[in-house]
């Protein structure tokens, strides 16, 4: 009698454990770098779960330094954008400032999966043979940047374009964790002065 009662309980425990494991696998984000935010497919939100948040600090050939940026190299600013979890409200240290045309793009990763919509940001110099800036919305381009897994080599559609100063920044996420180094890119409109 005791053995019979134990057997259904053991089967139930194994089944419950399997459901928990399978559920966890289904909700795990593959993350190639230091963090992530959002899920693609919810009302056109960006998916940065596979974003390479830290970078080498190298910039594309032909990218020109801003001669007189609002936020100079070595100064600090507050990040007003939320490209990734813990970014909005973080204090950034400016490590690079460049004048260029910046784009939002939509593309399907070369690694497969859902289309990434309105990705911010890719600069003109990160596109393969783009011609003269600015490119018009709807223009198809090949991306040479590796901001996210499956981005490099992907064919993308330009969603929007603007001429501005873009910044490469270091910051520690407000959610904690390691410092993000050489993050590309934050536009001037996404920064505000540090209040003293």
N, C-alpha and C. Protein backbone atom coordinates (compact mmCIF):
# COMPACT_ATOMS: atom_id res chain seq x y z
N UNK A 1 0.83 -1.20 0.00
CA UNK A 1 0.00 0.00 0.00
C UNK A 1 0.87 1.25 0.00
N UNK A 2 1.91 1.29 0.82
CA UNK A 2 2.79 2.44 0.92
C UNK A 2 3.52 2.69 -0.41
N UNK A 3 3.97 1.57 -1.05
CA UNK A 3 4.70 1.70 -2.31
C UNK A 3 3.79 2.21 -3.43
N UNK A 4 2.53 1.75 -3.44
CA UNK A 4 1.61 2.20 -4.49
C UNK A 4 1.33 3.70 -4.37
N UNK A 5 1.19 4.23 -3.15
CA UNK A 5 0.93 5.65 -2.95
C UNK A 5 2.12 6.51 -3.32
N UNK A 6 3.31 5.97 -3.17
CA UNK A 6 4.54 6.71 -3.45
C UNK A 6 4.77 6.85 -4.95
N UNK A 7 4.43 5.82 -5.71
CA UNK A 7 4.69 5.82 -7.15
C UNK A 7 3.97 6.95 -7.87
N UNK A 8 2.66 7.15 -7.69
CA UNK A 8 2.00 8.29 -8.35
C UNK A 8 2.59 9.63 -7.93
N UNK A 9 3.00 9.76 -6.67
CA UNK A 9 3.60 11.00 -6.20
C UNK A 9 4.92 11.26 -6.92
N UNK A 10 5.73 10.23 -7.11
CA UNK A 10 7.02 10.37 -7.80
C UNK A 10 6.80 10.77 -9.26
N UNK A 11 5.82 10.14 -9.91
CA UNK A 11 5.51 10.48 -11.30
C UNK A 11 5.06 11.94 -11.40
N UNK A 12 4.23 12.37 -10.46
CA UNK A 12 3.75 13.75 -10.45
C UNK A 12 4.91 14.72 -10.27
N UNK A 13 5.83 14.42 -9.36
CA UNK A 13 6.99 15.29 -9.12
C UNK A 13 7.89 15.39 -10.35
N UNK A 14 8.11 14.27 -11.02
CA UNK A 14 8.94 14.27 -12.23
C UNK A 14 8.27 15.10 -13.31
N UNK A 15 6.96 14.93 -13.50
CA UNK A 15 6.23 15.69 -14.52
C UNK A 15 6.28 17.19 -14.21
N UNK A 16 6.10 17.56 -12.95
CA UNK A 16 6.15 18.98 -12.57
C UNK A 16 7.54 19.55 -12.81
N UNK A 17 8.57 18.77 -12.49
CA UNK A 17 9.95 19.22 -12.71
C UNK A 17 10.22 19.45 -14.19
N UNK A 18 9.75 18.53 -15.03
CA UNK A 18 9.95 18.68 -16.48
C UNK A 18 9.26 19.93 -17.01
N UNK A 19 8.05 20.19 -16.53
CA UNK A 19 7.34 21.39 -16.97
C UNK A 19 8.10 22.65 -16.60
N UNK A 20 8.65 22.69 -15.40
CA UNK A 20 9.44 23.86 -14.97
C UNK A 20 10.67 24.04 -15.83
N UNK A 21 11.38 22.94 -16.12
CA UNK A 21 12.59 23.02 -16.94
C UNK A 21 12.25 23.47 -18.35
N UNK A 22 11.23 22.87 -18.96
CA UNK A 22 10.84 23.25 -20.32
C UNK A 22 10.34 24.68 -20.37
N UNK A 23 9.62 25.12 -19.37
CA UNK A 23 9.15 26.50 -19.33
C UNK A 23 10.30 27.48 -19.25
N UNK A 24 11.31 27.15 -18.46
CA UNK A 24 12.48 28.02 -18.33
C UNK A 24 13.23 28.10 -19.64
N UNK A 25 13.36 26.96 -20.35
CA UNK A 25 14.07 26.97 -21.64
C UNK A 25 13.35 27.85 -22.64
N UNK A 26 12.04 27.81 -22.63
CA UNK A 26 11.27 28.59 -23.59
C UNK A 26 11.38 30.08 -23.37
N UNK A 27 11.68 30.51 -22.16
CA UNK A 27 11.72 31.95 -21.90
C UNK A 27 13.13 32.51 -21.77
N UNK A 28 14.14 31.67 -22.00
CA UNK A 28 15.52 32.12 -21.88
C UNK A 28 15.91 32.94 -23.10
N UNK A 29 16.51 34.10 -22.86
CA UNK A 29 17.05 34.90 -23.96
C UNK A 29 18.48 34.50 -24.21
N UNK A 30 18.84 34.31 -25.50
CA UNK A 30 20.23 34.09 -25.84
C UNK A 30 20.90 35.43 -25.81
N UNK A 31 21.94 35.55 -25.04
CA UNK A 31 22.56 36.86 -24.87
C UNK A 31 24.04 36.77 -25.14
N UNK A 32 24.47 37.41 -26.22
CA UNK A 32 25.86 37.35 -26.61
C UNK A 32 26.74 38.32 -25.87
N UNK A 33 26.20 39.12 -24.95
CA UNK A 33 27.06 40.10 -24.29
C UNK A 33 26.60 40.41 -22.89
N UNK A 34 26.49 41.70 -22.57
CA UNK A 34 26.40 42.09 -21.17
C UNK A 34 24.99 42.33 -20.65
N UNK A 35 23.97 42.05 -21.40
CA UNK A 35 22.64 42.30 -20.86
C UNK A 35 21.62 42.32 -21.96
N UNK A 36 20.37 42.62 -21.62
CA UNK A 36 19.36 42.66 -22.66
C UNK A 36 18.13 43.36 -22.19
N UNK A 37 17.26 43.66 -23.16
CA UNK A 37 16.02 44.32 -22.82
C UNK A 37 15.00 44.07 -23.89
N UNK A 38 13.77 43.86 -23.48
CA UNK A 38 12.66 43.85 -24.41
C UNK A 38 12.56 42.58 -25.21
N UNK A 39 11.42 42.40 -25.86
CA UNK A 39 11.17 41.31 -26.76
C UNK A 39 10.61 41.85 -28.05
N UNK A 40 11.17 41.42 -29.16
CA UNK A 40 10.67 41.86 -30.45
C UNK A 40 9.28 41.28 -30.67
N UNK A 41 8.45 42.00 -31.37
CA UNK A 41 7.13 41.50 -31.69
C UNK A 41 6.05 42.13 -30.86
N UNK A 42 6.37 42.92 -29.87
CA UNK A 42 5.37 43.61 -29.08
C UNK A 42 5.27 45.05 -29.57
N UNK A 43 4.32 45.28 -30.44
CA UNK A 43 4.04 46.63 -30.95
C UNK A 43 5.29 47.32 -31.48
N UNK A 44 6.15 46.55 -32.20
CA UNK A 44 7.29 47.16 -32.86
C UNK A 44 8.43 47.55 -31.95
N UNK A 45 8.45 47.02 -30.71
CA UNK A 45 9.54 47.36 -29.81
C UNK A 45 10.84 46.75 -30.32
N UNK A 46 11.95 47.40 -29.99
CA UNK A 46 13.24 46.85 -30.36
C UNK A 46 13.61 45.71 -29.43
N UNK A 47 14.29 44.69 -29.99
CA UNK A 47 14.82 43.60 -29.19
C UNK A 47 16.32 43.76 -29.13
N UNK A 48 16.83 44.12 -27.96
CA UNK A 48 18.27 44.26 -27.79
C UNK A 48 18.83 43.14 -26.91
N UNK A 49 18.12 42.02 -26.83
CA UNK A 49 18.58 40.95 -25.97
C UNK A 49 19.89 40.35 -26.47
N UNK A 50 20.17 40.48 -27.76
CA UNK A 50 21.41 39.95 -28.32
C UNK A 50 22.36 41.07 -28.70
N UNK A 51 22.21 42.21 -28.08
CA UNK A 51 23.04 43.36 -28.42
C UNK A 51 24.42 43.25 -27.81
N UNK A 52 25.43 43.64 -28.57
CA UNK A 52 26.79 43.70 -28.08
C UNK A 52 26.97 45.07 -27.44
N UNK A 53 26.64 45.17 -26.18
CA UNK A 53 26.60 46.46 -25.51
C UNK A 53 27.98 47.08 -25.36
N UNK A 54 28.97 46.27 -25.01
CA UNK A 54 30.34 46.77 -24.92
C UNK A 54 31.03 46.53 -26.25
N UNK A 55 31.92 47.45 -26.59
CA UNK A 55 32.62 47.32 -27.86
C UNK A 55 34.10 47.60 -27.72
N UNK A 56 34.80 47.50 -28.84
CA UNK A 56 36.25 47.66 -28.85
C UNK A 56 36.66 49.12 -28.83
N UNK A 57 35.77 50.01 -29.18
CA UNK A 57 36.14 51.42 -29.29
C UNK A 57 36.59 51.79 -30.69
N UNK A 58 36.71 50.80 -31.57
CA UNK A 58 37.06 51.08 -32.96
C UNK A 58 35.86 51.71 -33.66
N UNK A 59 36.14 52.63 -34.57
CA UNK A 59 35.08 53.28 -35.33
C UNK A 59 35.28 53.01 -36.81
N UNK A 60 34.19 53.06 -37.60
CA UNK A 60 34.31 52.79 -39.03
C UNK A 60 35.21 53.80 -39.73
N UNK A 61 35.84 53.34 -40.78
CA UNK A 61 36.69 54.21 -41.59
C UNK A 61 35.85 55.35 -42.18
N UNK A 62 36.41 56.55 -42.14
CA UNK A 62 35.72 57.70 -42.72
C UNK A 62 34.84 58.46 -41.74
N UNK A 63 34.63 57.92 -40.55
CA UNK A 63 33.81 58.61 -39.55
C UNK A 63 34.59 59.80 -38.99
N UNK A 64 33.97 60.98 -39.02
CA UNK A 64 34.66 62.20 -38.61
C UNK A 64 34.29 62.61 -37.19
N UNK A 65 35.33 62.93 -36.41
CA UNK A 65 35.09 63.42 -35.05
C UNK A 65 34.37 64.76 -35.11
N UNK A 66 33.46 64.96 -34.16
CA UNK A 66 32.75 66.24 -34.08
C UNK A 66 33.74 67.31 -33.60
N UNK A 67 33.85 68.44 -34.32
CA UNK A 67 34.83 69.44 -33.93
C UNK A 67 34.49 70.17 -32.63
N UNK A 68 33.21 70.32 -32.34
CA UNK A 68 32.80 71.07 -31.15
C UNK A 68 31.52 70.46 -30.57
N UNK A 69 31.61 69.21 -30.04
CA UNK A 69 30.39 68.54 -29.57
C UNK A 69 29.83 69.18 -28.30
N UNK A 70 28.55 69.05 -28.12
CA UNK A 70 27.89 69.55 -26.90
C UNK A 70 28.48 68.87 -25.67
N UNK A 71 28.75 67.57 -25.79
CA UNK A 71 29.34 66.81 -24.69
C UNK A 71 30.73 66.36 -25.12
N UNK A 72 31.74 66.98 -24.55
CA UNK A 72 33.11 66.69 -24.94
C UNK A 72 33.60 65.36 -24.38
N UNK A 73 34.65 64.84 -24.99
CA UNK A 73 35.24 63.58 -24.54
C UNK A 73 35.73 63.75 -23.09
N UNK A 74 35.36 62.78 -22.27
CA UNK A 74 35.72 62.81 -20.86
C UNK A 74 34.68 63.44 -19.96
N UNK A 75 33.69 64.13 -20.56
CA UNK A 75 32.63 64.73 -19.75
C UNK A 75 31.54 63.70 -19.50
N UNK A 76 30.60 64.07 -18.64
CA UNK A 76 29.51 63.15 -18.31
C UNK A 76 28.17 63.74 -18.73
N UNK A 77 27.22 62.84 -18.99
CA UNK A 77 25.85 63.22 -19.35
C UNK A 77 24.92 62.12 -18.87
N UNK A 78 23.65 62.46 -18.77
CA UNK A 78 22.63 61.48 -18.38
C UNK A 78 22.00 60.91 -19.64
N UNK A 79 21.87 59.59 -19.70
CA UNK A 79 21.26 58.93 -20.86
C UNK A 79 19.74 58.94 -20.69
N UNK A 80 19.05 59.47 -21.70
CA UNK A 80 17.59 59.57 -21.66
C UNK A 80 16.90 58.49 -22.48
N UNK A 81 17.67 57.60 -23.10
CA UNK A 81 17.08 56.56 -23.94
C UNK A 81 17.14 55.21 -23.22
N UNK A 82 16.34 54.28 -23.71
CA UNK A 82 16.29 52.96 -23.08
C UNK A 82 16.57 51.86 -24.11
N UNK A 83 17.70 51.96 -24.80
CA UNK A 83 18.06 50.93 -25.78
C UNK A 83 18.19 49.56 -25.12
N UNK A 84 18.54 49.56 -23.83
CA UNK A 84 18.68 48.30 -23.10
C UNK A 84 18.28 48.53 -21.65
N UNK A 85 18.04 47.45 -20.93
CA UNK A 85 17.66 47.55 -19.52
C UNK A 85 18.78 48.24 -18.75
N UNK A 86 18.42 49.20 -17.89
CA UNK A 86 19.39 49.88 -17.06
C UNK A 86 20.10 51.04 -17.71
N UNK A 87 19.70 51.39 -18.92
CA UNK A 87 20.36 52.47 -19.64
C UNK A 87 19.75 53.83 -19.29
N UNK A 88 18.43 53.91 -19.30
CA UNK A 88 17.76 55.18 -19.05
C UNK A 88 18.07 55.67 -17.63
N UNK A 89 18.57 56.89 -17.54
CA UNK A 89 18.91 57.48 -16.26
C UNK A 89 20.34 57.23 -15.81
N UNK A 90 21.07 56.40 -16.56
CA UNK A 90 22.46 56.12 -16.19
C UNK A 90 23.35 57.32 -16.53
N UNK A 91 24.41 57.48 -15.77
CA UNK A 91 25.39 58.53 -16.05
C UNK A 91 26.43 57.97 -17.00
N UNK A 92 26.57 58.64 -18.14
CA UNK A 92 27.51 58.19 -19.17
C UNK A 92 28.76 59.06 -19.16
N UNK A 93 29.88 58.44 -19.45
CA UNK A 93 31.12 59.16 -19.72
C UNK A 93 31.34 59.12 -21.22
N UNK A 94 31.53 60.28 -21.82
CA UNK A 94 31.69 60.37 -23.27
C UNK A 94 33.10 59.91 -23.64
N UNK A 95 33.17 58.93 -24.55
CA UNK A 95 34.48 58.45 -25.02
C UNK A 95 34.70 58.74 -26.50
N UNK A 96 33.66 59.20 -27.18
CA UNK A 96 33.79 59.57 -28.59
C UNK A 96 32.60 60.39 -29.03
N UNK A 97 32.82 61.35 -29.92
CA UNK A 97 31.74 62.20 -30.45
C UNK A 97 31.99 62.39 -31.94
N UNK A 98 30.99 62.09 -32.76
CA UNK A 98 31.17 62.07 -34.22
C UNK A 98 29.98 62.70 -34.92
N UNK A 99 30.25 63.45 -35.98
CA UNK A 99 29.18 64.02 -36.80
C UNK A 99 28.90 63.09 -37.96
N UNK A 100 27.64 62.68 -38.11
CA UNK A 100 27.29 61.71 -39.14
C UNK A 100 25.79 61.71 -39.37
N UNK A 101 25.35 60.85 -40.28
CA UNK A 101 23.92 60.58 -40.45
C UNK A 101 23.64 59.27 -39.73
N UNK A 102 22.61 59.29 -38.91
CA UNK A 102 22.26 58.12 -38.11
C UNK A 102 20.90 57.61 -38.58
N UNK A 103 20.74 56.28 -38.56
CA UNK A 103 19.53 55.66 -39.09
C UNK A 103 18.88 54.72 -38.07
N UNK A 104 17.55 54.63 -38.17
CA UNK A 104 16.86 53.48 -37.59
C UNK A 104 16.62 52.54 -38.77
N UNK A 105 16.77 51.25 -38.50
CA UNK A 105 16.64 50.25 -39.57
C UNK A 105 15.77 49.09 -39.10
N UNK A 106 15.22 48.38 -40.08
CA UNK A 106 14.53 47.11 -39.83
C UNK A 106 15.22 46.05 -40.67
N UNK A 107 15.44 44.87 -40.08
CA UNK A 107 16.15 43.81 -40.79
C UNK A 107 15.82 42.46 -40.17
N UNK A 108 16.05 41.41 -40.95
CA UNK A 108 15.94 40.05 -40.44
C UNK A 108 17.34 39.55 -40.17
N UNK A 109 17.64 39.11 -38.95
CA UNK A 109 19.00 38.66 -38.62
C UNK A 109 19.47 37.55 -39.55
N UNK A 110 20.75 37.55 -39.86
CA UNK A 110 21.33 36.50 -40.70
C UNK A 110 21.29 35.15 -39.99
N UNK A 111 21.11 35.18 -38.67
CA UNK A 111 21.03 33.96 -37.88
C UNK A 111 19.61 33.40 -37.83
N UNK A 112 18.67 34.10 -38.49
CA UNK A 112 17.27 33.68 -38.49
C UNK A 112 16.49 34.36 -37.38
N UNK A 113 15.22 34.03 -37.29
CA UNK A 113 14.37 34.62 -36.26
C UNK A 113 13.53 35.75 -36.82
N UNK A 114 12.82 36.43 -35.92
CA UNK A 114 11.89 37.48 -36.31
C UNK A 114 12.62 38.74 -36.76
N UNK A 115 11.92 39.51 -37.58
CA UNK A 115 12.46 40.78 -38.04
C UNK A 115 12.66 41.73 -36.85
N UNK A 116 13.79 42.41 -36.83
CA UNK A 116 14.06 43.45 -35.84
C UNK A 116 13.59 44.76 -36.45
N UNK A 117 12.68 45.46 -35.77
CA UNK A 117 12.11 46.68 -36.33
C UNK A 117 12.63 47.91 -35.61
N UNK A 118 12.88 48.96 -36.39
CA UNK A 118 13.28 50.27 -35.85
C UNK A 118 14.46 50.19 -34.89
N UNK A 119 15.48 49.45 -35.29
CA UNK A 119 16.69 49.36 -34.46
C UNK A 119 17.40 50.71 -34.44
N UNK A 120 17.72 51.18 -33.23
CA UNK A 120 18.50 52.39 -33.04
C UNK A 120 19.87 51.99 -32.51
N UNK A 121 20.90 52.38 -33.05
CA UNK A 121 21.15 53.21 -34.22
C UNK A 121 22.21 52.53 -35.07
N UNK A 122 22.20 52.81 -36.37
CA UNK A 122 23.28 52.45 -37.26
C UNK A 122 23.68 53.73 -37.98
N UNK A 123 24.99 53.98 -38.07
CA UNK A 123 25.44 55.21 -38.73
C UNK A 123 25.79 54.93 -40.19
N UNK A 124 25.84 56.00 -40.97
CA UNK A 124 26.07 55.90 -42.41
C UNK A 124 27.34 55.10 -42.72
N UNK A 125 28.37 55.31 -41.94
CA UNK A 125 29.66 54.66 -42.18
C UNK A 125 29.65 53.17 -41.85
N UNK A 126 28.57 52.67 -41.26
CA UNK A 126 28.44 51.25 -40.96
C UNK A 126 27.64 50.50 -42.03
N UNK A 127 27.36 51.17 -43.13
CA UNK A 127 26.62 50.55 -44.22
C UNK A 127 27.57 50.25 -45.38
N UNK A 128 27.28 49.18 -46.11
CA UNK A 128 28.13 48.76 -47.22
C UNK A 128 27.81 49.58 -48.47
N UNK A 129 28.80 50.33 -48.95
CA UNK A 129 28.66 51.15 -50.16
C UNK A 129 27.35 51.94 -50.18
N UNK A 130 27.14 52.80 -49.20
CA UNK A 130 25.84 53.45 -49.08
C UNK A 130 25.60 54.62 -50.03
N UNK A 131 26.64 55.16 -50.64
CA UNK A 131 26.46 56.37 -51.44
C UNK A 131 26.41 57.58 -50.54
N UNK A 132 25.89 58.68 -51.07
CA UNK A 132 25.88 59.94 -50.31
C UNK A 132 24.73 59.95 -49.31
N UNK A 133 24.99 60.49 -48.12
CA UNK A 133 23.91 60.61 -47.13
C UNK A 133 23.06 61.84 -47.41
N UNK A 134 21.86 61.90 -46.89
CA UNK A 134 21.18 60.82 -46.15
C UNK A 134 20.46 59.88 -47.10
N UNK A 135 20.32 58.63 -46.70
CA UNK A 135 19.52 57.68 -47.46
C UNK A 135 18.05 57.87 -47.10
N UNK A 136 17.20 57.68 -48.07
CA UNK A 136 15.76 57.90 -47.86
C UNK A 136 15.10 56.68 -47.21
N UNK A 137 14.06 56.89 -46.40
CA UNK A 137 13.32 55.76 -45.83
C UNK A 137 12.87 54.81 -46.93
N UNK A 138 13.00 53.53 -46.67
CA UNK A 138 12.65 52.51 -47.65
C UNK A 138 13.84 51.98 -48.43
N UNK A 139 14.96 52.71 -48.41
CA UNK A 139 16.16 52.27 -49.11
C UNK A 139 16.69 50.98 -48.47
N UNK A 140 17.08 50.01 -49.32
CA UNK A 140 17.66 48.78 -48.81
C UNK A 140 19.18 48.91 -48.78
N UNK A 141 19.78 48.44 -47.70
CA UNK A 141 21.22 48.52 -47.50
C UNK A 141 21.71 47.23 -46.86
N UNK A 142 23.03 47.01 -46.93
CA UNK A 142 23.66 45.89 -46.23
C UNK A 142 24.43 46.49 -45.06
N UNK A 143 24.24 45.91 -43.88
CA UNK A 143 24.83 46.43 -42.65
C UNK A 143 26.19 45.78 -42.39
N UNK A 144 27.19 46.61 -42.11
CA UNK A 144 28.53 46.11 -41.76
C UNK A 144 28.79 46.12 -40.26
N UNK A 145 27.86 46.64 -39.48
CA UNK A 145 28.04 46.74 -38.03
C UNK A 145 27.65 45.43 -37.35
N UNK A 146 28.24 45.21 -36.17
CA UNK A 146 27.90 44.03 -35.39
C UNK A 146 27.41 44.45 -34.01
N UNK A 147 26.36 45.28 -33.99
CA UNK A 147 25.80 45.71 -32.71
C UNK A 147 25.00 44.60 -32.05
N UNK A 148 24.42 43.74 -32.89
CA UNK A 148 23.59 42.65 -32.38
C UNK A 148 23.91 41.39 -33.15
N UNK A 149 23.65 40.26 -32.52
CA UNK A 149 23.86 38.97 -33.17
C UNK A 149 23.02 38.90 -34.44
N UNK A 150 23.64 38.52 -35.56
CA UNK A 150 22.92 38.39 -36.82
C UNK A 150 22.75 39.69 -37.58
N UNK A 151 23.36 40.78 -37.10
CA UNK A 151 23.21 42.07 -37.80
C UNK A 151 24.19 42.21 -38.96
N UNK A 152 25.46 41.87 -38.72
CA UNK A 152 26.48 42.06 -39.76
C UNK A 152 26.15 41.22 -40.98
N UNK A 153 26.09 41.89 -42.13
CA UNK A 153 25.78 41.21 -43.38
C UNK A 153 24.30 41.14 -43.71
N UNK A 154 23.46 41.59 -42.79
CA UNK A 154 22.01 41.56 -43.02
C UNK A 154 21.59 42.66 -43.99
N UNK A 155 20.58 42.37 -44.77
CA UNK A 155 19.97 43.39 -45.62
C UNK A 155 18.91 44.10 -44.79
N UNK A 156 19.02 45.43 -44.75
CA UNK A 156 18.12 46.22 -43.90
C UNK A 156 17.38 47.25 -44.73
N UNK A 157 16.28 47.72 -44.17
CA UNK A 157 15.51 48.81 -44.77
C UNK A 157 15.66 50.02 -43.87
N UNK A 158 15.96 51.17 -44.48
CA UNK A 158 16.06 52.41 -43.71
C UNK A 158 14.65 52.82 -43.29
N UNK A 159 14.48 53.07 -41.98
CA UNK A 159 13.19 53.55 -41.46
C UNK A 159 13.19 55.07 -41.30
N UNK A 160 14.32 55.61 -40.83
CA UNK A 160 14.43 57.06 -40.66
C UNK A 160 15.90 57.45 -40.70
N UNK A 161 16.14 58.74 -40.96
CA UNK A 161 17.51 59.25 -41.02
C UNK A 161 17.56 60.63 -40.40
N UNK A 162 18.67 60.93 -39.72
CA UNK A 162 18.88 62.28 -39.21
C UNK A 162 20.37 62.59 -39.13
N UNK A 163 20.70 63.82 -39.45
CA UNK A 163 22.07 64.30 -39.32
C UNK A 163 22.24 64.81 -37.90
N UNK A 164 23.25 64.28 -37.18
CA UNK A 164 23.42 64.66 -35.78
C UNK A 164 24.81 64.28 -35.31
N UNK A 165 25.08 64.57 -34.06
CA UNK A 165 26.28 64.08 -33.41
C UNK A 165 25.91 62.81 -32.66
N UNK A 166 26.70 61.76 -32.88
CA UNK A 166 26.50 60.51 -32.14
C UNK A 166 27.66 60.34 -31.18
N UNK A 167 27.37 59.67 -30.07
CA UNK A 167 28.36 59.51 -29.02
C UNK A 167 28.59 58.03 -28.73
N UNK A 168 29.85 57.72 -28.45
CA UNK A 168 30.21 56.42 -27.89
C UNK A 168 30.40 56.68 -26.40
N UNK A 169 29.80 55.83 -25.56
CA UNK A 169 29.77 56.11 -24.13
C UNK A 169 30.11 54.89 -23.29
N UNK A 170 30.62 55.16 -22.09
CA UNK A 170 30.77 54.15 -21.04
C UNK A 170 29.72 54.46 -19.98
N UNK A 171 29.09 53.45 -19.42
CA UNK A 171 28.14 53.68 -18.32
C UNK A 171 27.93 52.40 -17.53
N UNK A 172 27.51 52.57 -16.30
CA UNK A 172 27.12 51.44 -15.46
C UNK A 172 25.60 51.41 -15.42
N UNK A 173 24.98 50.28 -15.81
CA UNK A 173 23.52 50.21 -15.83
C UNK A 173 22.91 50.54 -14.47
N UNK A 174 21.77 51.21 -14.49
CA UNK A 174 21.07 51.53 -13.25
C UNK A 174 20.55 50.27 -12.56
N UNK A 175 20.47 49.18 -13.32
CA UNK A 175 20.01 47.91 -12.78
C UNK A 175 21.15 47.11 -12.14
N UNK A 176 22.36 47.68 -12.17
CA UNK A 176 23.53 47.01 -11.61
C UNK A 176 24.27 46.23 -12.67
N UNK A 177 25.33 45.57 -12.25
CA UNK A 177 26.14 44.79 -13.19
C UNK A 177 27.38 45.54 -13.60
N UNK A 178 28.11 44.93 -14.54
CA UNK A 178 29.37 45.48 -14.99
C UNK A 178 29.18 46.73 -15.82
N UNK A 179 30.21 47.56 -15.84
CA UNK A 179 30.20 48.77 -16.67
C UNK A 179 30.18 48.38 -18.14
N UNK A 180 29.36 49.07 -18.91
CA UNK A 180 29.31 48.89 -20.36
C UNK A 180 30.33 49.85 -20.95
N UNK A 181 31.23 49.33 -21.77
CA UNK A 181 32.30 50.13 -22.34
C UNK A 181 32.08 50.34 -23.83
N UNK A 182 32.34 51.56 -24.30
CA UNK A 182 32.32 51.89 -25.73
C UNK A 182 31.00 51.53 -26.40
N UNK A 183 29.88 51.85 -25.73
CA UNK A 183 28.56 51.56 -26.31
C UNK A 183 28.32 52.45 -27.52
N UNK A 184 27.90 51.86 -28.63
CA UNK A 184 27.60 52.57 -29.86
C UNK A 184 26.11 52.38 -30.17
N UNK A 185 25.37 53.35 -30.35
CA UNK A 185 25.56 54.78 -30.36
C UNK A 185 24.47 55.42 -29.52
N UNK A 186 24.73 56.60 -29.01
CA UNK A 186 23.70 57.42 -28.38
C UNK A 186 23.71 58.76 -29.11
N UNK A 187 22.54 59.23 -29.51
CA UNK A 187 22.48 60.52 -30.22
C UNK A 187 22.46 61.66 -29.22
N UNK A 188 22.74 62.85 -29.73
CA UNK A 188 22.78 64.03 -28.86
C UNK A 188 21.44 64.25 -28.17
N UNK A 189 20.34 64.00 -28.87
CA UNK A 189 19.01 64.22 -28.28
C UNK A 189 18.68 63.20 -27.19
N UNK A 190 19.48 62.13 -27.08
CA UNK A 190 19.26 61.11 -26.07
C UNK A 190 20.10 61.36 -24.81
N UNK A 191 20.77 62.50 -24.76
CA UNK A 191 21.59 62.85 -23.60
C UNK A 191 21.10 64.16 -23.01
N UNK A 192 21.31 64.32 -21.72
CA UNK A 192 21.01 65.59 -21.06
C UNK A 192 22.12 65.87 -20.05
N UNK A 193 22.32 67.14 -19.71
CA UNK A 193 23.41 67.50 -18.79
C UNK A 193 23.22 66.89 -17.41
N UNK A 194 24.33 66.60 -16.76
CA UNK A 194 24.31 66.15 -15.37
C UNK A 194 23.94 67.34 -14.51
N UNK A 195 22.93 67.18 -13.65
CA UNK A 195 22.53 68.28 -12.76
C UNK A 195 23.44 68.31 -11.56
N UNK A 196 23.99 69.52 -11.25
CA UNK A 196 24.92 69.60 -10.11
C UNK A 196 24.18 69.93 -8.83
